């Protein structure tokens, strides 16, 4: 398990907004106090620090547009 860190008040609102917009992420809790030690997305668990860096990373609109475009169907692809 990664080192536990205390989340600051300013982080809680930022993380709550991110989790609301990205339901694939969920907090990983530890202990009777339900301390947050990371965030799970699929099989990956990100630490609080890693999540903060992810949230704070500027979004490139061109990259988002590319990710949202559908790739051609397998039958429509040309052989390489």
PDB file of N, CA and C in Angstrom:
ATOM      1  N   UNK A   1       0.838  -1.168   0.000  1.00  0.00           N
ATOM      2  CA  UNK A   1       0.000   0.000   0.000  1.00  0.00           C
ATOM      3  C   UNK A   1       0.889   1.241   0.000  1.00  0.00           C
ATOM      4  N   UNK A   2       0.414   2.263  -0.664  1.00  0.00           N
ATOM      5  CA  UNK A   2       1.183   3.501  -0.740  1.00  0.00           C
ATOM      6  C   UNK A   2       1.087   4.264   0.575  1.00  0.00           C
ATOM      7  N   UNK A   3       1.998   5.205   0.761  1.00  0.00           N
ATOM      8  CA  UNK A   3       2.012   6.022   1.973  1.00  0.00           C
ATOM      9  C   UNK A   3       0.724   6.836   2.069  1.00  0.00           C
ATOM     10  N   UNK A   4       0.161   6.867   3.266  1.00  0.00           N
ATOM     11  CA  UNK A   4      -1.060   7.644   3.477  1.00  0.00           C
ATOM     12  C   UNK A   4      -0.725   9.121   3.562  1.00  0.00           C
ATOM     13  N   UNK A   5      -1.566   9.922   2.952  1.00  0.00           N
ATOM     14  CA  UNK A   5      -1.430  11.370   3.045  1.00  0.00           C
ATOM     15  C   UNK A   5      -2.783  11.947   3.437  1.00  0.00           C
ATOM     16  N   UNK A   6      -2.769  13.087   4.072  1.00  0.00           N
ATOM     17  CA  UNK A   6      -3.994  13.747   4.481  1.00  0.00           C
ATOM     18  C   UNK A   6      -4.452  14.662   3.351  1.00  0.00           C
ATOM     19  N   UNK A   7      -5.710  14.505   2.962  1.00  0.00           N
ATOM     20  CA  UNK A   7      -6.254  15.374   1.924  1.00  0.00           C
ATOM     21  C   UNK A   7      -6.607  16.721   2.538  1.00  0.00           C
ATOM     22  N   UNK A   8      -6.316  17.775   1.814  1.00  0.00           N
ATOM     23  CA  UNK A   8      -6.631  19.132   2.245  1.00  0.00           C
ATOM     24  C   UNK A   8      -8.060  19.476   1.812  1.00  0.00           C
ATOM     25  N   UNK A   9      -8.660  20.433   2.496  1.00  0.00           N
ATOM     26  CA  UNK A   9     -10.026  20.870   2.169  1.00  0.00           C
ATOM     27  C   UNK A   9     -10.126  21.272   0.697  1.00  0.00           C
ATOM     28  N   UNK A  10      -9.130  21.985   0.194  1.00  0.00           N
ATOM     29  CA  UNK A  10      -9.164  22.442  -1.202  1.00  0.00           C
ATOM     30  C   UNK A  10      -9.162  21.266  -2.181  1.00  0.00           C
ATOM     31  N   UNK A  11      -8.550  20.154  -1.801  1.00  0.00           N
ATOM     32  CA  UNK A  11      -8.508  18.987  -2.680  1.00  0.00           C
ATOM     33  C   UNK A  11      -9.868  18.296  -2.745  1.00  0.00           C
ATOM     34  N   UNK A  12     -10.599  18.281  -1.663  1.00  0.00           N
ATOM     35  CA  UNK A  12     -11.843  17.516  -1.597  1.00  0.00           C
ATOM     36  C   UNK A  12     -12.839  17.991  -2.650  1.00  0.00           C
ATOM     37  N   UNK A  13     -13.031  19.300  -2.770  1.00  0.00           N
ATOM     38  CA  UNK A  13     -13.960  19.825  -3.773  1.00  0.00           C
ATOM     39  C   UNK A  13     -13.513  19.498  -5.184  1.00  0.00           C
ATOM     40  N   UNK A  14     -12.211  19.651  -5.432  1.00  0.00           N
ATOM     41  CA  UNK A  14     -11.660  19.369  -6.764  1.00  0.00           C
ATOM     42  C   UNK A  14     -11.854  17.895  -7.119  1.00  0.00           C
ATOM     43  N   UNK A  15     -11.575  17.003  -6.164  1.00  0.00           N
ATOM     44  CA  UNK A  15     -11.715  15.572  -6.397  1.00  0.00           C
ATOM     45  C   UNK A  15     -13.186  15.203  -6.582  1.00  0.00           C
ATOM     46  N   UNK A  16     -14.079  15.809  -5.788  1.00  0.00           N
ATOM     47  CA  UNK A  16     -15.512  15.510  -5.898  1.00  0.00           C
ATOM     48  C   UNK A  16     -16.037  15.886  -7.277  1.00  0.00           C
ATOM     49  N   UNK A  17     -15.648  17.057  -7.790  1.00  0.00           N
ATOM     50  CA  UNK A  17     -16.079  17.467  -9.130  1.00  0.00           C
ATOM     51  C   UNK A  17     -15.556  16.495 -10.183  1.00  0.00           C
ATOM     52  N   UNK A  18     -14.285  16.105 -10.068  1.00  0.00           N
ATOM     53  CA  UNK A  18     -13.691  15.179 -11.037  1.00  0.00           C
ATOM     54  C   UNK A  18     -14.423  13.838 -11.012  1.00  0.00           C
ATOM     55  N   UNK A  19     -14.682  13.307  -9.815  1.00  0.00           N
ATOM     56  CA  UNK A  19     -15.349  12.011  -9.698  1.00  0.00           C
ATOM     57  C   UNK A  19     -16.782  12.067 -10.224  1.00  0.00           C
ATOM     58  N   UNK A  20     -17.427  13.205 -10.068  1.00  0.00           N
ATOM     59  CA  UNK A  20     -18.782  13.358 -10.594  1.00  0.00           C
ATOM     60  C   UNK A  20     -18.779  13.335 -12.115  1.00  0.00           C
ATOM     61  N   UNK A  21     -17.777  13.941 -12.727  1.00  0.00           N
ATOM     62  CA  UNK A  21     -17.671  13.997 -14.186  1.00  0.00           C
ATOM     63  C   UNK A  21     -17.102  12.716 -14.784  1.00  0.00           C
ATOM     64  N   UNK A  22     -16.393  11.925 -13.984  1.00  0.00           N
ATOM     65  CA  UNK A  22     -15.727  10.714 -14.465  1.00  0.00           C
ATOM     66  C   UNK A  22     -16.106   9.539 -13.565  1.00  0.00           C
ATOM     67  N   UNK A  23     -17.291   8.954 -13.776  1.00  0.00           N
ATOM     68  CA  UNK A  23     -17.773   7.901 -12.881  1.00  0.00           C
ATOM     69  C   UNK A  23     -16.951   6.609 -12.928  1.00  0.00           C
ATOM     70  N   UNK A  24     -16.029   6.479 -13.867  1.00  0.00           N
ATOM     71  CA  UNK A  24     -15.171   5.286 -13.920  1.00  0.00           C
ATOM     72  C   UNK A  24     -14.129   5.259 -12.817  1.00  0.00           C
ATOM     73  N   UNK A  25     -13.907   6.396 -12.164  1.00  0.00           N
ATOM     74  CA  UNK A  25     -12.954   6.498 -11.060  1.00  0.00           C
ATOM     75  C   UNK A  25     -13.715   6.330  -9.747  1.00  0.00           C
ATOM     76  N   UNK A  26     -13.123   5.607  -8.809  1.00  0.00           N
ATOM     77  CA  UNK A  26     -13.753   5.477  -7.489  1.00  0.00           C
ATOM     78  C   UNK A  26     -12.675   5.511  -6.414  1.00  0.00           C
ATOM     79  N   UNK A  27     -12.998   6.095  -5.262  1.00  0.00           N
ATOM     80  CA  UNK A  27     -12.007   6.152  -4.184  1.00  0.00           C
ATOM     81  C   UNK A  27     -11.752   4.783  -3.578  1.00  0.00           C
ATOM     82  N   UNK A  28     -10.516   4.533  -3.203  1.00  0.00           N
ATOM     83  CA  UNK A  28     -10.132   3.327  -2.475  1.00  0.00           C
ATOM     84  C   UNK A  28      -9.987   3.723  -1.009  1.00  0.00           C
ATOM     85  N   UNK A  29     -10.714   3.054  -0.144  1.00  0.00           N
ATOM     86  CA  UNK A  29     -10.756   3.433   1.265  1.00  0.00           C
ATOM     87  C   UNK A  29     -10.007   2.420   2.118  1.00  0.00           C
ATOM     88  N   UNK A  30      -9.525   2.894   3.282  1.00  0.00           N
ATOM     89  CA  UNK A  30      -8.742   2.056   4.184  1.00  0.00           C
ATOM     90  C   UNK A  30      -9.156   2.342   5.617  1.00  0.00           C
ATOM     91  N   UNK A  31      -9.304   1.299   6.406  1.00  0.00           N
ATOM     92  CA  UNK A  31      -9.515   1.444   7.848  1.00  0.00           C
ATOM     93  C   UNK A  31     -10.921   1.843   8.261  1.00  0.00           C
ATOM     94  N   UNK A  32     -11.116   1.869   9.564  1.00  0.00           N
ATOM     95  CA  UNK A  32     -12.406   2.197  10.139  1.00  0.00           C
ATOM     96  C   UNK A  32     -12.860   3.620   9.882  1.00  0.00           C
ATOM     97  N   UNK A  33     -11.914   4.518   9.652  1.00  0.00           N
ATOM     98  CA  UNK A  33     -12.259   5.908   9.351  1.00  0.00           C
ATOM     99  C   UNK A  33     -12.483   6.137   7.865  1.00  0.00           C
ATOM    100  N   UNK A  34     -12.362   5.071   7.068  1.00  0.00           N
ATOM    101  CA  UNK A  34     -12.516   5.157   5.611  1.00  0.00           C
ATOM    102  C   UNK A  34     -11.581   6.204   5.023  1.00  0.00           C
ATOM    103  N   UNK A  35     -10.315   6.145   5.404  1.00  0.00           N
ATOM    104  CA  UNK A  35      -9.311   7.047   4.841  1.00  0.00           C
ATOM    105  C   UNK A  35      -9.145   6.747   3.351  1.00  0.00           C
ATOM    106  N   UNK A  36      -9.072   7.783   2.540  1.00  0.00           N
ATOM    107  CA  UNK A  36      -8.838   7.616   1.110  1.00  0.00           C
ATOM    108  C   UNK A  36      -7.341   7.453   0.897  1.00  0.00           C
ATOM    109  N   UNK A  37      -6.940   6.313   0.320  1.00  0.00           N
ATOM    110  CA  UNK A  37      -5.509   6.141   0.041  1.00  0.00           C
ATOM    111  C   UNK A  37      -5.217   6.129  -1.443  1.00  0.00           C
ATOM    112  N   UNK A  38      -6.251   6.171  -2.266  1.00  0.00           N
ATOM    113  CA  UNK A  38      -6.038   6.186  -3.698  1.00  0.00           C
ATOM    114  C   UNK A  38      -7.361   6.192  -4.441  1.00  0.00           C
ATOM    115  N   UNK A  39      -7.269   6.123  -5.760  1.00  0.00           N
ATOM    116  CA  UNK A  39      -8.448   6.114  -6.612  1.00  0.00           C
ATOM    117  C   UNK A  39      -8.275   5.036  -7.662  1.00  0.00           C
ATOM    118  N   UNK A  40      -9.298   4.230  -7.821  1.00  0.00           N
ATOM    119  CA  UNK A  40      -9.261   3.110  -8.763  1.00  0.00           C
ATOM    120  C   UNK A  40      -9.937   3.503 -10.060  1.00  0.00           C
ATOM    121  N   UNK A  41      -9.293   3.117 -11.166  1.00  0.00           N
ATOM    122  CA  UNK A  41      -9.899   3.196 -12.489  1.00  0.00           C
ATOM    123  C   UNK A  41      -9.495   1.903 -13.179  1.00  0.00           C
ATOM    124  N   UNK A  42     -10.466   1.045 -13.427  1.00  0.00           N
ATOM    125  CA  UNK A  42     -10.181  -0.277 -13.977  1.00  0.00           C
ATOM    126  C   UNK A  42      -9.328  -1.070 -13.007  1.00  0.00           C
ATOM    127  N   UNK A  43      -8.223  -1.600 -13.473  1.00  0.00           N
ATOM    128  CA  UNK A  43      -7.311  -2.383 -12.634  1.00  0.00           C
ATOM    129  C   UNK A  43      -6.216  -1.528 -12.000  1.00  0.00           C
ATOM    130  N   UNK A  44      -6.226  -0.240 -12.281  1.00  0.00           N
ATOM    131  CA  UNK A  44      -5.168   0.667 -11.823  1.00  0.00           C
ATOM    132  C   UNK A  44      -5.615   1.444 -10.588  1.00  0.00           C
ATOM    133  N   UNK A  45      -4.719   1.602  -9.623  1.00  0.00           N
ATOM    134  CA  UNK A  45      -4.991   2.436  -8.455  1.00  0.00           C
ATOM    135  C   UNK A  45      -3.969   3.576  -8.439  1.00  0.00           C
ATOM    136  N   UNK A  46      -4.490   4.801  -8.481  1.00  0.00           N
ATOM    137  CA  UNK A  46      -3.646   5.990  -8.451  1.00  0.00           C
ATOM    138  C   UNK A  46      -3.626   6.556  -7.043  1.00  0.00           C
ATOM    139  N   UNK A  47      -2.469   7.026  -6.609  1.00  0.00           N
ATOM    140  CA  UNK A  47      -2.368   7.663  -5.296  1.00  0.00           C
ATOM    141  C   UNK A  47      -3.073   9.013  -5.337  1.00  0.00           C
ATOM    142  N   UNK A  48      -3.275   9.610  -4.180  1.00  0.00           N
ATOM    143  CA  UNK A  48      -3.878  10.933  -4.102  1.00  0.00           C
ATOM    144  C   UNK A  48      -3.029  11.941  -4.886  1.00  0.00           C
ATOM    145  N   UNK A  49      -1.717  11.869  -4.736  1.00  0.00           N
ATOM    146  CA  UNK A  49      -0.816  12.781  -5.464  1.00  0.00           C
ATOM    147  C   UNK A  49      -0.925  12.578  -6.974  1.00  0.00           C
ATOM    148  N   UNK A  50      -0.978  11.318  -7.413  1.00  0.00           N
ATOM    149  CA  UNK A  50      -1.103  11.036  -8.850  1.00  0.00           C
ATOM    150  C   UNK A  50      -2.436  11.553  -9.394  1.00  0.00           C
ATOM    151  N   UNK A  51      -3.495  11.389  -8.611  1.00  0.00           N
ATOM    152  CA  UNK A  51      -4.803  11.891  -9.036  1.00  0.00           C
ATOM    153  C   UNK A  51      -4.788  13.409  -9.144  1.00  0.00           C
ATOM    154  N   UNK A  52      -4.145  14.065  -8.198  1.00  0.00           N
ATOM    155  CA  UNK A  52      -4.088  15.523  -8.239  1.00  0.00           C
ATOM    156  C   UNK A  52      -3.348  15.995  -9.486  1.00  0.00           C
ATOM    157  N   UNK A  53      -2.252  15.322  -9.839  1.00  0.00           N
ATOM    158  CA  UNK A  53      -1.511  15.682 -11.059  1.00  0.00           C
ATOM    159  C   UNK A  53      -2.385  15.451 -12.290  1.00  0.00           C
ATOM    160  N   UNK A  54      -3.138  14.350 -12.307  1.00  0.00           N
ATOM    161  CA  UNK A  54      -4.022  14.056 -13.431  1.00  0.00           C
ATOM    162  C   UNK A  54      -5.091  15.143 -13.575  1.00  0.00           C
ATOM    163  N   UNK A  55      -5.712  15.516 -12.469  1.00  0.00           N
ATOM    164  CA  UNK A  55      -6.765  16.529 -12.490  1.00  0.00           C
ATOM    165  C   UNK A  55      -6.209  17.878 -12.922  1.00  0.00           C
ATOM    166  N   UNK A  56      -5.006  18.208 -12.491  1.00  0.00           N
ATOM    167  CA  UNK A  56      -4.413  19.513 -12.782  1.00  0.00           C
ATOM    168  C   UNK A  56      -3.769  19.612 -14.166  1.00  0.00           C
ATOM    169  N   UNK A  57      -3.656  18.499 -14.882  1.00  0.00           N
ATOM    170  CA  UNK A  57      -3.050  18.503 -16.208  1.00  0.00           C
ATOM    171  C   UNK A  57      -3.977  19.196 -17.199  1.00  0.00           C
ATOM    172  N   UNK A  58      -3.481  20.188 -17.936  1.00  0.00           N
ATOM    173  CA  UNK A  58      -4.336  20.875 -18.919  1.00  0.00           C
ATOM    174  C   UNK A  58      -4.816  19.897 -19.998  1.00  0.00           C
ATOM    175  N   UNK A  59      -6.042  20.096 -20.430  1.00  0.00           N
ATOM    176  CA  UNK A  59      -6.642  19.241 -21.452  1.00  0.00           C
ATOM    177  C   UNK A  59      -6.351  19.823 -22.824  1.00  0.00           C
ATOM    178  N   UNK A  60      -5.893  18.974 -23.734  1.00  0.00           N
ATOM    179  CA  UNK A  60      -5.627  19.372 -25.111  1.00  0.00           C
ATOM    180  C   UNK A  60      -6.886  19.079 -25.936  1.00  0.00           C
ATOM    181  N   UNK A  61      -7.588  20.118 -26.403  1.00  0.00           N
ATOM    182  CA  UNK A  61      -8.840  19.899 -27.140  1.00  0.00           C
ATOM    183  C   UNK A  61      -8.676  19.031 -28.386  1.00  0.00           C
ATOM    184  N   UNK A  62      -7.535  19.136 -29.074  1.00  0.00           N
ATOM    185  CA  UNK A  62      -7.308  18.310 -30.261  1.00  0.00           C
ATOM    186  C   UNK A  62      -7.200  16.835 -29.886  1.00  0.00           C
ATOM    187  N   UNK A  63      -6.532  16.538 -28.775  1.00  0.00           N
ATOM    188  CA  UNK A  63      -6.414  15.149 -28.332  1.00  0.00           C
ATOM    189  C   UNK A  63      -7.784  14.593 -27.955  1.00  0.00           C
ATOM    190  N   UNK A  64      -8.596  15.405 -27.285  1.00  0.00           N
ATOM    191  CA  UNK A  64      -9.950  14.973 -26.914  1.00  0.00           C
ATOM    192  C   UNK A  64     -10.752  14.672 -28.167  1.00  0.00           C
ATOM    193  N   UNK A  65     -10.666  15.531 -29.165  1.00  0.00           N
ATOM    194  CA  UNK A  65     -11.403  15.317 -30.411  1.00  0.00           C
ATOM    195  C   UNK A  65     -10.966  14.028 -31.088  1.00  0.00           C
ATOM    196  N   UNK A  66      -9.660  13.765 -31.087  1.00  0.00           N
ATOM    197  CA  UNK A  66      -9.159  12.529 -31.695  1.00  0.00           C
ATOM    198  C   UNK A  66      -9.654  11.290 -30.944  1.00  0.00           C
ATOM    199  N   UNK A  67      -9.674  11.368 -29.644  1.00  0.00           N
ATOM    200  CA  UNK A  67     -10.132  10.233 -28.848  1.00  0.00           C
ATOM    201  C   UNK A  67     -11.622   9.974 -29.019  1.00  0.00           C
ATOM    202  N   UNK A  68     -12.383  11.010 -29.341  1.00  0.00           N
ATOM    203  CA  UNK A  68     -13.823  10.855 -29.481  1.00  0.00           C
ATOM    204  C   UNK A  68     -14.243  10.425 -30.878  1.00  0.00           C
ATOM    205  N   UNK A  69     -13.340  10.471 -31.856  1.00  0.00           N
ATOM    206  CA  UNK A  69     -13.693  10.037 -33.205  1.00  0.00           C
ATOM    207  C   UNK A  69     -13.707   8.518 -33.249  1.00  0.00           C
ATOM    208  N   UNK A  70     -14.620   7.997 -34.026  1.00  0.00           N
ATOM    209  CA  UNK A  70     -14.726   6.545 -34.145  1.00  0.00           C
ATOM    210  C   UNK A  70     -13.758   6.060 -35.206  1.00  0.00           C
ATOM    211  N   UNK A  71     -13.124   4.942 -34.917  1.00  0.00           N
ATOM    212  CA  UNK A  71     -12.236   4.349 -35.922  1.00  0.00           C
ATOM    213  C   UNK A  71     -13.093   3.619 -36.941  1.00  0.00           C
ATOM    214  N   UNK A  72     -12.614   3.511 -38.164  1.00  0.00           N
ATOM    215  CA  UNK A  72     -13.390   2.813 -39.204  1.00  0.00           C
ATOM    216  C   UNK A  72     -13.632   1.353 -38.799  1.00  0.00           C
ATOM    217  N   UNK A  73     -14.727   0.804 -39.278  1.00  0.00           N
ATOM    218  CA  UNK A  73     -15.042  -0.609 -38.989  1.00  0.00           C
ATOM    219  C   UNK A  73     -13.938  -1.482 -39.574  1.00  0.00           C
ATOM    220  N   UNK A  74     -13.751  -2.626 -39.008  1.00  0.00           N
ATOM    221  CA  UNK A  74     -12.680  -3.535 -39.461  1.00  0.00           C
ATOM    222  C   UNK A  74     -12.806  -3.839 -40.951  1.00  0.00           C
ATOM    223  N   UNK A  75     -14.026  -3.979 -41.462  1.00  0.00           N
ATOM    224  CA  UNK A  75     -14.213  -4.319 -42.880  1.00  0.00           C
ATOM    225  C   UNK A  75     -13.858  -3.148 -43.789  1.00  0.00           C
ATOM    226  N   UNK A  76     -13.894  -1.924 -43.261  1.00  0.00           N
ATOM    227  CA  UNK A  76     -13.601  -0.749 -44.072  1.00  0.00           C
ATOM    228  C   UNK A  76     -12.115  -0.407 -44.095  1.00  0.00           C
ATOM    229  N   UNK A  77     -11.324  -1.029 -43.266  1.00  0.00           N
ATOM    230  CA  UNK A  77      -9.894  -0.724 -43.216  1.00  0.00           C
ATOM    231  C   UNK A  77      -9.177  -1.324 -44.408  1.00  0.00           C
ATOM    232  N   UNK A  78      -8.217  -0.568 -44.870  1.00  0.00           N
ATOM    233  CA  UNK A  78      -7.384  -1.062 -45.964  1.00  0.00           C
ATOM    234  C   UNK A  78      -6.240  -1.883 -45.408  1.00  0.00           C
ATOM    235  N   UNK A  79      -5.842  -2.949 -46.091  1.00  0.00           N
ATOM    236  CA  UNK A  79      -4.689  -3.721 -45.609  1.00  0.00           C
ATOM    237  C   UNK A  79      -3.417  -2.877 -45.655  1.00  0.00           C
ATOM    238  N   UNK A  80      -2.516  -3.068 -44.715  1.00  0.00           N
ATOM    239  CA  UNK A  80      -1.282  -2.292 -44.687  1.00  0.00           C
ATOM    240  C   UNK A  80      -0.259  -2.836 -45.622  1.00  0.00           C
TER     241      UNK A  80
END
